[in-house]
Amino acid sequence: MVKAYELRGLPKEELLKTLAENRKTLADLHVAKVTGGAASKIAKIKQVRKSIARVLTVHNQQQKEGIRKAAAGSKYISKDLRIKKTRAMRRALTKEQKAKKTLKQQKKDTHFPMRRYAVKA
């Protein structure tokens, strides 16, 4: 079983080679399962599937990071690199837009400030 942090240090070619090996191993294990192989081989299928997933995850993360670096200075960011958040959060007003006041409200605030009362203790 390969750990993700170990895979992160490997170059792309090495990752793809590991992926191919794991897939071949998985195919062999599936054949062993059909032909009635040992229980230890059948139990190993899950581990191999998980290691394939780890390799693919690291590979996709590296690809996305490379694309991020390439698109770093550009004016527009592709949709898959944008921050996900939620649909409502993406459409919400910005802080500046929320804080803006109409001219009438600004005049009202300046001419009629909130009254302050002295309270006896």
C-alpha atoms as a PDB file:
ATOM      1  CA  MET A   1       0.000   0.000   0.000  1.00  0.00           C
ATOM      2  CA  VAL A   2       1.405   3.364  -1.048  1.00  0.00           C
ATOM      3  CA  LYS A   3       0.890   6.515   1.010  1.00  0.00           C
ATOM      4  CA  ALA A   4      -0.243   9.740  -0.682  1.00  0.00           C
ATOM      5  CA  TYR A   5       2.618  11.819   0.718  1.00  0.00           C
ATOM      6  CA  GLU A   6       5.100   9.367  -0.829  1.00  0.00           C
ATOM      7  CA  LEU A   7       3.401   9.707  -4.205  1.00  0.00           C
ATOM      8  CA  ARG A   8       3.517  13.513  -4.145  1.00  0.00           C
ATOM      9  CA  GLY A   9       7.289  13.488  -4.515  1.00  0.00           C
ATOM     10  CA  LEU A  10       7.226  11.327  -7.650  1.00  0.00           C
ATOM     11  CA  PRO A  11       7.311  12.783 -11.184  1.00  0.00           C
ATOM     12  CA  LYS A  12       4.390  12.352 -13.594  1.00  0.00           C
ATOM     13  CA  GLU A  13       5.942   9.444 -15.558  1.00  0.00           C
ATOM     14  CA  GLU A  14       6.619   7.528 -12.358  1.00  0.00           C
ATOM     15  CA  LEU A  15       3.020   8.032 -11.204  1.00  0.00           C
ATOM     16  CA  LEU A  16       1.615   6.779 -14.497  1.00  0.00           C
ATOM     17  CA  LYS A  17       3.918   3.757 -14.347  1.00  0.00           C
ATOM     18  CA  THR A  18       2.699   2.974 -10.819  1.00  0.00           C
ATOM     19  CA  LEU A  19      -0.887   3.383 -11.999  1.00  0.00           C
ATOM     20  CA  ALA A  20      -0.363   0.945 -14.876  1.00  0.00           C
ATOM     21  CA  GLU A  21       1.210  -1.616 -12.525  1.00  0.00           C
ATOM     22  CA  ASN A  22      -1.675  -1.330 -10.084  1.00  0.00           C
ATOM     23  CA  ARG A  23      -4.244  -1.730 -12.833  1.00  0.00           C
ATOM     24  CA  LYS A  24      -2.485  -4.817 -14.148  1.00  0.00           C
ATOM     25  CA  THR A  25      -2.373  -6.251 -10.616  1.00  0.00           C
ATOM     26  CA  LEU A  26      -6.083  -5.567 -10.228  1.00  0.00           C
ATOM     27  CA  ALA A  27      -6.864  -7.341 -13.498  1.00  0.00           C
ATOM     28  CA  ASP A  28      -4.840 -10.370 -12.354  1.00  0.00           C
ATOM     29  CA  LEU A  29      -6.686 -10.388  -9.028  1.00  0.00           C
ATOM     30  CA  HIS A  30     -10.064 -10.286 -10.783  1.00  0.00           C
ATOM     31  CA  VAL A  31      -9.004 -13.297 -12.869  1.00  0.00           C
ATOM     32  CA  ALA A  32      -7.921 -15.100  -9.692  1.00  0.00           C
ATOM     33  CA  LYS A  33     -11.293 -14.337  -8.120  1.00  0.00           C
ATOM     34  CA  VAL A  34     -13.202 -15.806 -11.089  1.00  0.00           C
ATOM     35  CA  THR A  35     -11.007 -18.917 -11.263  1.00  0.00           C
ATOM     36  CA  GLY A  36     -11.408 -19.512  -7.516  1.00  0.00           C
ATOM     37  CA  GLY A  37      -8.082 -18.211  -6.246  1.00  0.00           C
ATOM     38  CA  ALA A  38      -6.906 -17.950  -2.672  1.00  0.00           C
ATOM     39  CA  ALA A  39      -8.796 -15.829  -0.168  1.00  0.00           C
ATOM     40  CA  SER A  40      -5.723 -13.672   0.401  1.00  0.00           C
ATOM     41  CA  LYS A  41      -5.795 -12.599  -3.261  1.00  0.00           C
ATOM     42  CA  ILE A  42      -9.480 -11.776  -3.131  1.00  0.00           C
ATOM     43  CA  ALA A  43      -8.910  -9.703   0.016  1.00  0.00           C
ATOM     44  CA  LYS A  44      -6.126  -7.777  -1.741  1.00  0.00           C
ATOM     45  CA  ILE A  45      -8.519  -6.393  -4.401  1.00  0.00           C
ATOM     46  CA  LYS A  46      -9.738  -3.634  -2.077  1.00  0.00           C
ATOM     47  CA  GLN A  47      -6.185  -2.501  -1.247  1.00  0.00           C
ATOM     48  CA  VAL A  48      -5.221  -2.314  -4.920  1.00  0.00           C
ATOM     49  CA  ARG A  49      -8.357  -0.346  -5.783  1.00  0.00           C
ATOM     50  CA  LYS A  50      -7.606   2.138  -3.009  1.00  0.00           C
ATOM     51  CA  SER A  51      -3.997   2.536  -4.140  1.00  0.00           C
ATOM     52  CA  ILE A  52      -5.195   3.198  -7.724  1.00  0.00           C
ATOM     53  CA  ALA A  53      -7.492   5.895  -6.328  1.00  0.00           C
ATOM     54  CA  ARG A  54      -4.589   7.437  -4.380  1.00  0.00           C
ATOM     55  CA  VAL A  55      -2.362   7.558  -7.459  1.00  0.00           C
ATOM     56  CA  LEU A  56      -5.129   9.123  -9.542  1.00  0.00           C
ATOM     57  CA  THR A  57      -5.888  11.673  -6.831  1.00  0.00           C
ATOM     58  CA  VAL A  58      -2.262  12.796  -6.589  1.00  0.00           C
ATOM     59  CA  HIS A  59      -1.956  12.876 -10.399  1.00  0.00           C
ATOM     60  CA  ASN A  60      -5.079  15.040 -10.744  1.00  0.00           C
ATOM     61  CA  GLN A  61      -3.923  17.365  -7.964  1.00  0.00           C
ATOM     62  CA  GLN A  62      -0.564  17.842  -9.685  1.00  0.00           C
ATOM     63  CA  GLN A  63      -2.252  18.541 -13.027  1.00  0.00           C
ATOM     64  CA  LYS A  64      -4.593  21.092 -11.476  1.00  0.00           C
ATOM     65  CA  GLU A  65      -1.689  22.777  -9.663  1.00  0.00           C
ATOM     66  CA  GLY A  66       0.201  23.047 -12.953  1.00  0.00           C
ATOM     67  CA  ILE A  67      -2.821  24.615 -14.633  1.00  0.00           C
ATOM     68  CA  ARG A  68      -3.176  27.046 -11.720  1.00  0.00           C
ATOM     69  CA  LYS A  69       0.445  28.154 -12.135  1.00  0.00           C
ATOM     70  CA  ALA A  70      -0.025  28.591 -15.899  1.00  0.00           C
ATOM     71  CA  ALA A  71      -3.189  30.672 -15.428  1.00  0.00           C
ATOM     72  CA  ALA A  72      -1.822  32.695 -12.497  1.00  0.00           C
ATOM     73  CA  GLY A  73      -1.433  36.068 -14.218  1.00  0.00           C
ATOM     74  CA  SER A  74      -4.343  35.839 -16.648  1.00  0.00           C
ATOM     75  CA  LYS A  75      -7.399  38.091 -16.443  1.00  0.00           C
ATOM     76  CA  TYR A  76      -9.951  35.278 -16.427  1.00  0.00           C
ATOM     77  CA  ILE A  77      -9.860  32.028 -14.447  1.00  0.00           C
ATOM     78  CA  SER A  78     -11.355  28.862 -15.904  1.00  0.00           C
ATOM     79  CA  LYS A  79     -14.467  27.594 -14.136  1.00  0.00           C
ATOM     80  CA  ASP A  80     -12.867  24.474 -12.666  1.00  0.00           C
ATOM     81  CA  LEU A  81     -10.206  26.612 -10.943  1.00  0.00           C
ATOM     82  CA  ARG A  82     -12.646  29.096  -9.436  1.00  0.00           C
ATOM     83  CA  ILE A  83     -13.696  28.933  -5.793  1.00  0.00           C
ATOM     84  CA  LYS A  84     -16.725  26.674  -5.471  1.00  0.00           C
ATOM     85  CA  LYS A  85     -18.555  27.947  -2.355  1.00  0.00           C
ATOM     86  CA  THR A  86     -22.325  27.714  -2.880  1.00  0.00           C
ATOM     87  CA  ARG A  87     -24.495  29.154  -5.643  1.00  0.00           C
ATOM     88  CA  ALA A  88     -26.105  31.625  -3.231  1.00  0.00           C
ATOM     89  CA  MET A  89     -22.726  32.744  -1.871  1.00  0.00           C
ATOM     90  CA  ARG A  90     -21.371  33.339  -5.376  1.00  0.00           C
ATOM     91  CA  ARG A  91     -24.369  35.516  -6.236  1.00  0.00           C
ATOM     92  CA  ALA A  92     -24.436  37.444  -2.951  1.00  0.00           C
ATOM     93  CA  LEU A  93     -23.512  41.121  -2.792  1.00  0.00           C
ATOM     94  CA  THR A  94     -19.957  42.077  -1.963  1.00  0.00           C
ATOM     95  CA  LYS A  95     -19.144  43.928   1.279  1.00  0.00           C
ATOM     96  CA  GLU A  96     -18.827  47.237  -0.601  1.00  0.00           C
ATOM     97  CA  GLN A  97     -22.176  46.726  -2.330  1.00  0.00           C
ATOM     98  CA  LYS A  98     -23.855  45.886   0.991  1.00  0.00           C
ATOM     99  CA  ALA A  99     -22.393  48.950   2.704  1.00  0.00           C
ATOM    100  CA  LYS A 100     -23.472  51.429  -0.001  1.00  0.00           C
ATOM    101  CA  LYS A 101     -26.238  53.876   0.860  1.00  0.00           C
ATOM    102  CA  THR A 102     -28.505  55.939  -1.349  1.00  0.00           C
ATOM    103  CA  LEU A 103     -28.034  59.710  -1.449  1.00  0.00           C
ATOM    104  CA  LYS A 104     -31.327  60.170   0.419  1.00  0.00           C
ATOM    105  CA  GLN A 105     -30.206  57.797   3.190  1.00  0.00           C
ATOM    106  CA  GLN A 106     -26.826  59.554   3.475  1.00  0.00           C
ATOM    107  CA  LYS A 107     -28.561  62.942   3.894  1.00  0.00           C
ATOM    108  CA  LYS A 108     -30.981  61.493   6.428  1.00  0.00           C
ATOM    109  CA  ASP A 109     -28.116  60.021   8.463  1.00  0.00           C
ATOM    110  CA  THR A 110     -26.160  63.297   8.515  1.00  0.00           C
ATOM    111  CA  HIS A 111     -29.124  65.579   9.281  1.00  0.00           C
ATOM    112  CA  PHE A 112     -30.831  63.325  11.809  1.00  0.00           C
ATOM    113  CA  PRO A 113     -28.136  61.443  13.743  1.00  0.00           C
ATOM    114  CA  MET A 114     -29.020  58.858  16.360  1.00  0.00           C
ATOM    115  CA  ARG A 115     -29.932  60.617  19.627  1.00  0.00           C
ATOM    116  CA  ARG A 116     -27.826  59.975  22.693  1.00  0.00           C
ATOM    117  CA  TYR A 117     -29.438  59.900  26.080  1.00  0.00           C
ATOM    118  CA  ALA A 118     -27.776  60.245  29.444  1.00  0.00           C
ATOM    119  CA  VAL A 119     -28.905  57.452  31.746  1.00  0.00           C
ATOM    120  CA  LYS A 120     -28.969  57.892  35.525  1.00  0.00           C
ATOM    121  CA  ALA A 121     -27.189  55.172  37.395  1.00  0.00           C
END
